[in-house]
C-alpha atoms as a PDB file:
ATOM      1  CA  MET A   1     138.153  89.106 110.170  1.00  0.00           C
ATOM      2  CA  ILE A   2     140.399  88.013 113.105  1.00  0.00           C
ATOM      3  CA  VAL A   3     143.632  89.875 111.828  1.00  0.00           C
ATOM      4  CA  ILE A   4     141.829  93.445 111.083  1.00  0.00           C
ATOM      5  CA  VAL A   5     140.498  92.577 115.362  1.00  0.00           C
ATOM      6  CA  ALA A   6     143.964  91.616 116.530  1.00  0.00           C
ATOM      7  CA  ILE A   7     145.331  94.365 115.051  1.00  0.00           C
ATOM      8  CA  LEU A   8     142.922  96.809 117.056  1.00  0.00           C
ATOM      9  CA  ALA A   9     142.966  94.554 119.971  1.00  0.00           C
ATOM     10  CA  PHE A  10     144.985  97.574 121.841  1.00  0.00           C
ATOM     11  CA  ALA A  11     141.744 100.043 121.576  1.00  0.00           C
ATOM     12  CA  ILE A  12     139.738  97.327 123.335  1.00  0.00           C
ATOM     13  CA  MET A  13     141.119  95.122 125.417  1.00  0.00           C
ATOM     14  CA  SER A  14     139.623  93.464 128.724  1.00  0.00           C
ATOM     15  CA  THR A  15     137.554  95.579 130.563  1.00  0.00           C
ATOM     16  CA  SER A  16     137.177  92.586 133.341  1.00  0.00           C
ATOM     17  CA  ASN A  17     135.799  92.671 136.395  1.00  0.00           C
ATOM     18  CA  VAL A  18     139.066  91.596 137.787  1.00  0.00           C
ATOM     19  CA  ILE A  19     141.522  94.307 136.920  1.00  0.00           C
ATOM     20  CA  ASN A  20     145.372  93.611 138.467  1.00  0.00           C
ATOM     21  CA  PRO A  21     147.272  96.154 139.318  1.00  0.00           C
ATOM     22  CA  GLN A  22     149.663  96.894 136.703  1.00  0.00           C
ATOM     23  CA  SER A  23     148.687 100.255 135.381  1.00  0.00           C
ATOM     24  CA  THR A  24     150.611 104.175 136.001  1.00  0.00           C
ATOM     25  CA  ILE A  25     148.923 107.037 136.072  1.00  0.00           C
ATOM     26  CA  ARG A  26     151.635 110.233 136.182  1.00  0.00           C
ATOM     27  CA  ILE A  27     150.651 113.388 138.007  1.00  0.00           C
ATOM     28  CA  GLU A  28     152.366 116.474 136.340  1.00  0.00           C
ATOM     29  CA  ASN A  29     154.676 117.909 138.608  1.00  0.00           C
ATOM     30  CA  VAL A  30     153.422 115.683 141.460  1.00  0.00           C
ATOM     31  CA  GLY A  31     154.579 112.292 140.358  1.00  0.00           C
ATOM     32  CA  GLU A  32     153.865 108.351 139.099  1.00  0.00           C
ATOM     33  CA  PHE A  33     151.818 105.879 141.407  1.00  0.00           C
ATOM     34  CA  GLU A  34     151.784 102.323 140.461  1.00  0.00           C
ATOM     35  CA  ILE A  35     147.677 101.538 140.774  1.00  0.00           C
ATOM     36  CA  ASP A  36     146.619  98.759 142.535  1.00  0.00           C
ATOM     37  CA  PRO A  37     142.589  98.834 141.892  1.00  0.00           C
ATOM     38  CA  SER A  38     141.829  96.258 144.522  1.00  0.00           C
ATOM     39  CA  GLY A  39     139.469  98.473 147.201  1.00  0.00           C
ATOM     40  CA  ILE A  40     138.898 101.634 145.078  1.00  0.00           C
ATOM     41  CA  GLU A  41     135.333 102.564 144.964  1.00  0.00           C
ATOM     42  CA  ARG A  42     133.601 103.879 141.689  1.00  0.00           C
ATOM     43  CA  GLN A  43     132.205 107.540 141.740  1.00  0.00           C
ATOM     44  CA  ARG A  44     129.638 106.724 138.600  1.00  0.00           C
ATOM     45  CA  ALA A  45     127.782 103.766 140.277  1.00  0.00           C
ATOM     46  CA  ASP A  46     125.287 105.368 138.223  1.00  0.00           C
ATOM     47  CA  VAL A  47     126.881 104.140 135.322  1.00  0.00           C
ATOM     48  CA  PHE A  48     129.242 101.223 136.177  1.00  0.00           C
ATOM     49  CA  ALA A  49     128.679  97.810 137.293  1.00  0.00           C
ATOM     50  CA  HIS A  50     130.403  96.468 140.835  1.00  0.00           C
ATOM     51  CA  GLY A  51     134.327  95.821 140.095  1.00  0.00           C
ATOM     52  CA  GLN A  52     134.420  97.960 137.071  1.00  0.00           C
ATOM     53  CA  ILE A  53     135.985 101.380 137.686  1.00  0.00           C
ATOM     54  CA  SER A  54     137.155 104.939 135.667  1.00  0.00           C
ATOM     55  CA  ILE A  55     140.224 106.858 135.945  1.00  0.00           C
ATOM     56  CA  PHE A  56     138.501 109.460 138.049  1.00  0.00           C
ATOM     57  CA  ASP A  57     138.165 107.150 140.682  1.00  0.00           C
ATOM     58  CA  VAL A  58     141.868 106.244 140.527  1.00  0.00           C
ATOM     59  CA  LEU A  59     142.787 110.445 141.352  1.00  0.00           C
ATOM     60  CA  VAL A  60     140.199 109.520 144.274  1.00  0.00           C
ATOM     61  CA  ASP A  61     141.620 107.114 145.922  1.00  0.00           C
ATOM     62  CA  LEU A  62     145.150 109.203 145.574  1.00  0.00           C
ATOM     63  CA  ASP A  63     143.312 111.730 147.268  1.00  0.00           C
ATOM     64  CA  ARG A  64     142.084 109.194 150.064  1.00  0.00           C
ATOM     65  CA  ARG A  65     145.335 107.813 151.048  1.00  0.00           C
ATOM     66  CA  GLY A  66     147.352 111.558 150.982  1.00  0.00           C
ATOM     67  CA  GLU A  67     148.997 110.735 148.359  1.00  0.00           C
ATOM     68  CA  ILE A  68     148.100 114.060 146.605  1.00  0.00           C
ATOM     69  CA  SER A  69     145.578 116.329 147.867  1.00  0.00           C
ATOM     70  CA  MET A  70     142.252 117.082 145.568  1.00  0.00           C
ATOM     71  CA  THR A  71     139.042 118.879 145.264  1.00  0.00           C
ATOM     72  CA  TYR A  72     136.521 117.945 143.214  1.00  0.00           C
ATOM     73  CA  HIS A  73     132.063 118.057 142.914  1.00  0.00           C
ATOM     74  CA  TYR A  74     129.926 116.617 140.305  1.00  0.00           C
ATOM     75  CA  ASP A  75     127.830 119.094 138.345  1.00  0.00           C
ATOM     76  CA  GLU A  76     124.605 118.337 137.401  1.00  0.00           C
ATOM     77  CA  GLU A  77     124.699 120.966 134.264  1.00  0.00           C
ATOM     78  CA  LEU A  78     127.440 118.447 132.953  1.00  0.00           C
ATOM     79  CA  GLU A  79     126.791 115.492 134.260  1.00  0.00           C
ATOM     80  CA  THR A  80     130.510 115.064 135.075  1.00  0.00           C
ATOM     81  CA  HIS A  81     132.954 114.900 137.890  1.00  0.00           C
ATOM     82  CA  VAL A  82     135.223 118.129 138.097  1.00  0.00           C
ATOM     83  CA  ILE A  83     138.093 118.924 139.340  1.00  0.00           C
ATOM     84  CA  ASP A  84     138.494 122.345 141.281  1.00  0.00           C
ATOM     85  CA  SER A  85     141.819 122.080 142.488  1.00  0.00           C
ATOM     86  CA  LEU A  86     145.240 118.809 142.977  1.00  0.00           C
ATOM     87  CA  ASN A  87     148.036 120.189 145.176  1.00  0.00           C
ATOM     88  CA  GLY A  88     146.340 124.098 144.534  1.00  0.00           C
ATOM     89  CA  LYS A  89     146.305 124.527 140.880  1.00  0.00           C
ATOM     90  CA  LYS A  90     143.211 124.565 138.842  1.00  0.00           C
ATOM     91  CA  HIS A  91     142.678 123.387 135.582  1.00  0.00           C
ATOM     92  CA  TRP A  92     143.159 119.590 134.811  1.00  0.00           C
ATOM     93  CA  TRP A  93     142.918 116.934 131.938  1.00  0.00           C
ATOM     94  CA  TYR A  94     144.228 113.733 130.955  1.00  0.00           C
ATOM     95  CA  GLN A  95     145.654 111.517 128.379  1.00  0.00           C
ATOM     96  CA  ALA A  96     145.713 107.863 128.814  1.00  0.00           C
ATOM     97  CA  TYR A  97     146.304 104.690 127.196  1.00  0.00           C
ATOM     98  CA  TYR A  98     145.515 100.766 127.190  1.00  0.00           C
ATOM     99  CA  ASP A  99     147.751  98.433 126.790  1.00  0.00           C
ATOM    100  CA  GLY A 100     150.343  98.462 123.539  1.00  0.00           C
ATOM    101  CA  GLY A 101     148.570 101.925 122.522  1.00  0.00           C
ATOM    102  CA  TRP A 102     149.749 104.932 122.957  1.00  0.00           C
ATOM    103  CA  LEU A 103     148.968 108.621 124.610  1.00  0.00           C
ATOM    104  CA  GLU A 104     146.370 110.532 122.409  1.00  0.00           C
ATOM    105  CA  ASN A 105     144.159 113.627 123.189  1.00  0.00           C
ATOM    106  CA  ASN A 106     140.815 112.639 123.869  1.00  0.00           C
ATOM    107  CA  ASN A 107     137.733 114.694 125.377  1.00  0.00           C
ATOM    108  CA  TRP A 108     136.026 112.373 127.327  1.00  0.00           C
ATOM    109  CA  ARG A 109     134.424 112.812 130.665  1.00  0.00           C
ATOM    110  CA  ILE A 110     136.983 111.463 133.126  1.00  0.00           C
ATOM    111  CA  ASP A 111     134.744 109.468 135.313  1.00  0.00           C
ATOM    112  CA  LEU A 112     133.342 107.439 132.521  1.00  0.00           C
ATOM    113  CA  PHE A 113     136.556 106.328 130.821  1.00  0.00           C
ATOM    114  CA  PRO A 114     136.619 102.505 131.583  1.00  0.00           C
ATOM    115  CA  TYR A 115     139.907 102.122 134.099  1.00  0.00           C
ATOM    116  CA  LYS A 116     141.282  98.362 132.816  1.00  0.00           C
ATOM    117  CA  ASP A 117     145.107  96.467 133.326  1.00  0.00           C
ATOM    118  CA  LYS A 118     147.783  97.249 131.680  1.00  0.00           C
ATOM    119  CA  MET A 119     146.980 100.831 131.408  1.00  0.00           C
ATOM    120  CA  TYR A 120     148.805 104.232 131.578  1.00  0.00           C
ATOM    121  CA  ILE A 121     147.047 107.324 132.758  1.00  0.00           C
ATOM    122  CA  GLN A 122     148.816 111.031 132.667  1.00  0.00           C
ATOM    123  CA  VAL A 123     147.606 114.048 134.426  1.00  0.00           C
ATOM    124  CA  PHE A 124     148.263 117.373 133.272  1.00  0.00           C
ATOM    125  CA  HIS A 125     147.926 120.877 133.605  1.00  0.00           C
ATOM    126  CA  THR A 126     146.254 123.107 130.985  1.00  0.00           C
ATOM    127  CA  ASN A 127     143.882 126.236 130.343  1.00  0.00           C
ATOM    128  CA  SER A 128     140.801 127.851 131.472  1.00  0.00           C
ATOM    129  CA  GLY A 129     139.784 128.114 127.709  1.00  0.00           C
ATOM    130  CA  HIS A 130     140.857 123.804 126.978  1.00  0.00           C
ATOM    131  CA  ILE A 131     138.643 123.796 130.513  1.00  0.00           C
ATOM    132  CA  GLU A 132     135.599 125.629 129.363  1.00  0.00           C
ATOM    133  CA  ALA A 133     135.410 123.917 126.204  1.00  0.00           C
ATOM    134  CA  LEU A 134     135.406 120.847 127.581  1.00  0.00           C
ATOM    135  CA  HIS A 135     132.689 121.807 129.731  1.00  0.00           C
ATOM    136  CA  ASP A 136     130.457 123.698 126.527  1.00  0.00           C
ATOM    137  CA  SER A 137     130.420 120.463 125.002  1.00  0.00           C
ATOM    138  CA  PHE A 138     129.100 118.299 128.203  1.00  0.00           C
ATOM    139  CA  ARG A 139     126.737 120.835 128.771  1.00  0.00           C
ATOM    140  CA  THR A 140     125.305 120.833 124.743  1.00  0.00           C
ATOM    141  CA  GLN A 141     124.889 117.046 125.212  1.00  0.00           C
ATOM    142  CA  VAL A 142     123.225 116.828 128.166  1.00  0.00           C
ATOM    143  CA  GLU A 143     120.923 119.483 126.795  1.00  0.00           C
ATOM    144  CA  ARG A 144     120.045 117.597 123.629  1.00  0.00           C
ATOM    145  CA  ARG A 145     118.948 114.532 125.302  1.00  0.00           C
ATOM    146  CA  ASP A 146     117.021 116.640 128.207  1.00  0.00           C
ATOM    147  CA  ALA A 147     115.111 118.095 124.603  1.00  0.00           C
ATOM    148  CA  ASN A 148     114.250 114.648 123.875  1.00  0.00           C
ATOM    149  CA  GLY A 149     112.517 114.134 126.780  1.00  0.00           C
ATOM    150  CA  GLY A 150     115.590 111.804 127.836  1.00  0.00           C
ATOM    151  CA  THR A 151     115.903 110.078 125.139  1.00  0.00           C
ATOM    152  CA  VAL A 152     119.921 110.111 123.856  1.00  0.00           C
ATOM    153  CA  MET A 153     119.883 111.449 120.071  1.00  0.00           C
ATOM    154  CA  VAL A 154     122.788 111.624 118.012  1.00  0.00           C
ATOM    155  CA  GLU A 155     121.519 114.129 115.495  1.00  0.00           C
ATOM    156  CA  THR A 156     124.224 112.665 112.573  1.00  0.00           C
ATOM    157  CA  VAL A 157     125.556 109.156 111.918  1.00  0.00           C
ATOM    158  CA  ARG A 158     127.579 108.506 109.039  1.00  0.00           C
ATOM    159  CA  ILE A 159     128.375 105.049 107.839  1.00  0.00           C
ATOM    160  CA  ARG A 160     131.339 105.011 105.141  1.00  0.00           C
ATOM    161  CA  ALA A 161     133.205 101.284 103.535  1.00  0.00           C
ATOM    162  CA  PRO A 162     133.245 100.153 100.572  1.00  0.00           C
ATOM    163  CA  GLY A 163     129.643 100.215  98.856  1.00  0.00           C
ATOM    164  CA  ILE A 164     128.141 102.064 101.745  1.00  0.00           C
ATOM    165  CA  ASN A 165     127.849 105.499 102.353  1.00  0.00           C
ATOM    166  CA  HIS A 166     125.038 106.041 105.098  1.00  0.00           C
ATOM    167  CA  VAL A 167     123.958 109.801 106.243  1.00  0.00           C
ATOM    168  CA  PHE A 168     121.186 109.217 109.367  1.00  0.00           C
ATOM    169  CA  HIS A 169     119.703 112.196 111.380  1.00  0.00           C
ATOM    170  CA  ASP A 170     118.123 112.587 114.476  1.00  0.00           C
ATOM    171  CA  VAL A 171     118.735 108.795 115.226  1.00  0.00           C
ATOM    172  CA  HIS A 172     116.798 108.166 118.299  1.00  0.00           C
ATOM    173  CA  VAL A 173     119.734 105.354 120.529  1.00  0.00           C
ATOM    174  CA  THR A 174     117.864 102.853 122.828  1.00  0.00           C
ATOM    175  CA  PRO A 175     120.166 100.525 125.575  1.00  0.00           C
ATOM    176  CA  HIS A 176     121.165  96.894 124.648  1.00  0.00           C
ATOM    177  CA  ASP A 177     122.787  96.240 127.982  1.00  0.00           C
ATOM    178  CA  LEU A 178     125.652  93.961 126.071  1.00  0.00           C
ATOM    179  CA  ARG A 179     127.705  94.883 128.412  1.00  0.00           C
ATOM    180  CA  ASP A 180     125.457  94.382 132.111  1.00  0.00           C
ATOM    181  CA  ASP A 181     128.873  92.473 133.635  1.00  0.00           C
ATOM    182  CA  ALA A 182     130.354  96.251 133.380  1.00  0.00           C
ATOM    183  CA  LEU A 183     127.706  99.134 133.221  1.00  0.00           C
ATOM    184  CA  LYS A 184     124.497  99.413 134.895  1.00  0.00           C
ATOM    185  CA  GLU A 185     121.262  98.102 132.811  1.00  0.00           C
ATOM    186  CA  GLY A 186     119.658 100.996 130.451  1.00  0.00           C
ATOM    187  CA  THR A 187     123.455 102.528 130.438  1.00  0.00           C
ATOM    188  CA  VAL A 188     123.825 103.695 126.634  1.00  0.00           C
ATOM    189  CA  THR A 189     126.812 103.048 124.270  1.00  0.00           C
ATOM    190  CA  ALA A 190     128.627 103.954 121.041  1.00  0.00           C
ATOM    191  CA  ILE A 191     127.223  99.673 119.916  1.00  0.00           C
ATOM    192  CA  ASP A 192     123.762 101.435 120.257  1.00  0.00           C
ATOM    193  CA  VAL A 193     123.750 103.627 117.727  1.00  0.00           C
ATOM    194  CA  ILE A 194     124.757 100.471 115.411  1.00  0.00           C
ATOM    195  CA  MET A 195     122.164  98.224 117.397  1.00  0.00           C
ATOM    196  CA  SER A 196     119.594 100.928 117.307  1.00  0.00           C
ATOM    197  CA  LEU A 197     119.677 101.686 113.854  1.00  0.00           C
ATOM    198  CA  GLY A 198     119.318  98.043 112.911  1.00  0.00           C
ATOM    199  CA  ASP A 199     116.082  97.919 115.433  1.00  0.00           C
ATOM    200  CA  GLN A 200     115.189 100.714 112.974  1.00  0.00           C
ATOM    201  CA  GLY A 201     115.786  98.574 109.967  1.00  0.00           C
ATOM    202  CA  ARG A 202     117.697 101.265 108.413  1.00  0.00           C
ATOM    203  CA  ILE A 203     120.880  98.807 108.319  1.00  0.00           C
ATOM    204  CA  THR A 204     121.955  95.282 109.275  1.00  0.00           C
ATOM    205  CA  TYR A 205     124.794  94.373 111.115  1.00  0.00           C
ATOM    206  CA  GLU A 206     126.441  91.380 113.123  1.00  0.00           C
ATOM    207  CA  THR A 207     128.678  91.985 115.783  1.00  0.00           C
ATOM    208  CA  THR A 208     130.971  89.108 117.396  1.00  0.00           C
ATOM    209  CA  TRP A 209     132.352  88.370 120.884  1.00  0.00           C
ATOM    210  CA  TYR A 210     135.594  87.921 121.146  1.00  0.00           C
ATOM    211  CA  GLU A 211     137.154  86.566 124.733  1.00  0.00           C
ATOM    212  CA  GLU A 212     140.551  87.009 123.280  1.00  0.00           C
ATOM    213  CA  ILE A 213     142.379  87.806 120.960  1.00  0.00           C
ATOM    214  CA  ALA A 214     146.628  86.235 119.855  1.00  0.00           C
ATOM    215  CA  GLY A 215     146.668  85.164 123.277  1.00  0.00           C
ATOM    216  CA  SER A 216     145.605  88.073 125.065  1.00  0.00           C
ATOM    217  CA  GLU A 217     141.877  88.858 126.872  1.00  0.00           C
ATOM    218  CA  VAL A 218     139.955  90.948 124.929  1.00  0.00           C
ATOM    219  CA  LYS A 219     136.123  90.068 125.656  1.00  0.00           C
ATOM    220  CA  THR A 220     134.977  93.127 123.860  1.00  0.00           C
ATOM    221  CA  TYR A 221     131.896  93.352 121.308  1.00  0.00           C
ATOM    222  CA  PHE A 222     132.781  94.209 117.840  1.00  0.00           C
ATOM    223  CA  VAL A 223     130.953  95.130 114.575  1.00  0.00           C
ATOM    224  CA  THR A 224     132.286  92.827 112.172  1.00  0.00           C
ATOM    225  CA  SER A 225     129.457  93.859 109.049  1.00  0.00           C
ATOM    226  CA  ILE A 226     127.134  96.096 108.116  1.00  0.00           C
ATOM    227  CA  ASP A 227     124.427  95.896 105.283  1.00  0.00           C
ATOM    228  CA  GLY A 228     126.539  92.448 104.577  1.00  0.00           C
ATOM    229  CA  GLN A 229     130.329  94.684 103.933  1.00  0.00           C
ATOM    230  CA  ALA A 230     132.103  92.462 106.157  1.00  0.00           C
ATOM    231  CA  ALA A 231     135.092  92.977 107.926  1.00  0.00           C
ATOM    232  CA  HIS A 232     137.993  90.433 106.784  1.00  0.00           C
ATOM    233  CA  GLY A 233     142.257  90.511 106.260  1.00  0.00           C
ATOM    234  CA  ARG A 234     143.495  93.578 107.291  1.00  0.00           C
ATOM    235  CA  CYS A 235     140.349  95.651 106.795  1.00  0.00           C
ATOM    236  CA  GLY A 236     137.569  96.540 108.819  1.00  0.00           C
ATOM    237  CA  TYR A 237     135.334  99.165 111.390  1.00  0.00           C
ATOM    238  CA  VAL A 238     136.285 101.754 113.617  1.00  0.00           C
ATOM    239  CA  TYR A 239     134.668 104.636 114.789  1.00  0.00           C
ATOM    240  CA  GLU A 240     134.421 107.997 116.259  1.00  0.00           C
ATOM    241  CA  VAL A 241     131.821 109.771 117.925  1.00  0.00           C
ATOM    242  CA  GLY A 242     131.604 113.620 119.636  1.00  0.00           C
ATOM    243  CA  GLU A 243     130.960 117.078 119.058  1.00  0.00           C
ATOM    244  CA  GLU A 244     132.127 118.015 115.310  1.00  0.00           C
ATOM    245  CA  ASN A 245     133.616 121.490 116.357  1.00  0.00           C
ATOM    246  CA  MET A 246     135.781 119.543 118.787  1.00  0.00           C
ATOM    247  CA  TYR A 247     139.209 117.235 117.972  1.00  0.00           C
ATOM    248  CA  ALA A 248     140.213 114.106 118.630  1.00  0.00           C
ATOM    249  CA  ASN A 249     136.860 111.925 119.363  1.00  0.00           C
ATOM    250  CA  HIS A 250     138.460 108.580 117.374  1.00  0.00           C
ATOM    251  CA  ILE A 251     140.023 107.705 121.165  1.00  0.00           C
ATOM    252  CA  HIS A 252     140.006 103.686 122.267  1.00  0.00           C
ATOM    253  CA  ILE A 253     137.520 103.056 124.180  1.00  0.00           C
ATOM    254  CA  PRO A 254     135.453  99.901 123.502  1.00  0.00           C
ATOM    255  CA  MET A 255     132.260 100.914 121.699  1.00  0.00           C
ATOM    256  CA  ASP A 256     130.706  99.112 124.099  1.00  0.00           C
ATOM    257  CA  MET A 257     131.667 100.800 127.123  1.00  0.00           C
ATOM    258  CA  ARG A 258     131.974 104.253 125.619  1.00  0.00           C
ATOM    259  CA  VAL A 259     128.924 105.378 127.808  1.00  0.00           C
ATOM    260  CA  LEU A 260     126.917 107.811 125.635  1.00  0.00           C
ATOM    261  CA  THR A 261     125.082 110.779 126.727  1.00  0.00           C
ATOM    262  CA  SER A 262     123.586 112.919 123.229  1.00  0.00           C
ATOM    263  CA  PRO A 263     126.322 113.182 121.196  1.00  0.00           C
ATOM    264  CA  GLU A 264     126.325 115.249 117.731  1.00  0.00           C
ATOM    265  CA  TYR A 265     127.494 113.440 115.791  1.00  0.00           C
ATOM    266  CA  PHE A 266     128.889 109.485 115.230  1.00  0.00           C
ATOM    267  CA  GLU A 267     130.648 107.942 112.329  1.00  0.00           C
ATOM    268  CA  MET A 268     132.257 104.494 111.732  1.00  0.00           C
ATOM    269  CA  PHE A 269     134.116 103.887 109.236  1.00  0.00           C
ATOM    270  CA  TRP A 270     136.619 101.425 107.256  1.00  0.00           C
ATOM    271  CA  ILE A 271     140.049 101.129 107.464  1.00  0.00           C
ATOM    272  CA  CYS A 272     142.293  98.695 105.774  1.00  0.00           C
ATOM    273  CA  LEU A 273     145.972  98.637 107.973  1.00  0.00           C
END
């Protein structure tokens, strides 16, 4: 169990509220900036607790300090902030990774991607079709949740591991507030999918809290067992979540910090490294 957790630790390093100014953001054709998060204000106070910020907050702070010129607005239909222009250009997106990771494509709302120490952020110019596809997926998730009376619902949940091949439909997900140090009460995250299935008697599971691994601060909950199949040696559980028609759903945000609206699917699967 410890080995697989250590291997995956780069993906889930600390989201502690105590953050050191050791991160970098690079904006295409603009420049590279060292990030000092002290004093950066959170835009999503509806989601993040005091002291926890997002990648989008870093950009807002750069604009506030005059390092860039950015216009943006909050779109109620998408439930996210939209960058209208950055230094006079439209259609921007981003990549990011945490300490020990690598750049990976993603389709996650920029104001819900948690900032943390020793991360690297790259903001790049893209095309209108890419942005429209992202916005369509965000809108669909909001509509799906609203159609269920404001309850987060996942249409399909798949869990695959040795001896396990579960498929559940229309899973209602409720918050368990595991991360009340970083998230507001009532915020639903990816780990709540597993916990809600447990509440409903559909699976059994175990989670384990790790303060640190191999000397690195982690402070994250892991799902370490499902229906008796426990992580061991170099084998354990990873996950992805999002819309079926979108790529890049498997990104390295901790399960207990990945805030959900109402994604089309959630999948937890077994890997051995």
